[in-house]
């Protein structure tokens, strides 16, 4: 079952942005997860702070800044990537590739100043590097987006 608010956004993170950069290959302006708040064997809770300084707000939309839905999906996928890479030894030797994104629903706008919390759970066991997840994104207690994701973990780097 998806973990619902309240989330303690002021608790010490499990991973801060520098630790996330050691796991994910993404860098600014495309690193979209700021910290990991919780993680267990079957779920992760991650945070994205949305600021007016985000480069996409220059064009989306200048008079009514909205975080693009596709970037909300990408942020959720990155949080899921952190989660599944945490299941392997030496995660820096692996990449996560998303194979399927399904049942995406956007419920309300995400705007500068929002703190988006992604709560993602496995929907089945990870088998042969494949995993299925379901996630919801919250601003406060409101669900702003939900999706189902399928990913593959691939060892593609050398020590």
Foldseek 3Di string as FASTA:
>chain_A
DWDADDADPPDDFPAAPVRLVLQAVDDPPLQFWGTWRDADLWKTKTKGAAAPPRVCQVVCPVVFGFDDPVSVVVNLVSRVFVRVLVVDPPSSQKGKDWDDKDDKDFDDTDGHRFMKMKMKTWPDDQDQQKTKMKIFIDGRRDTGMIIIIIMGMDRHHDD
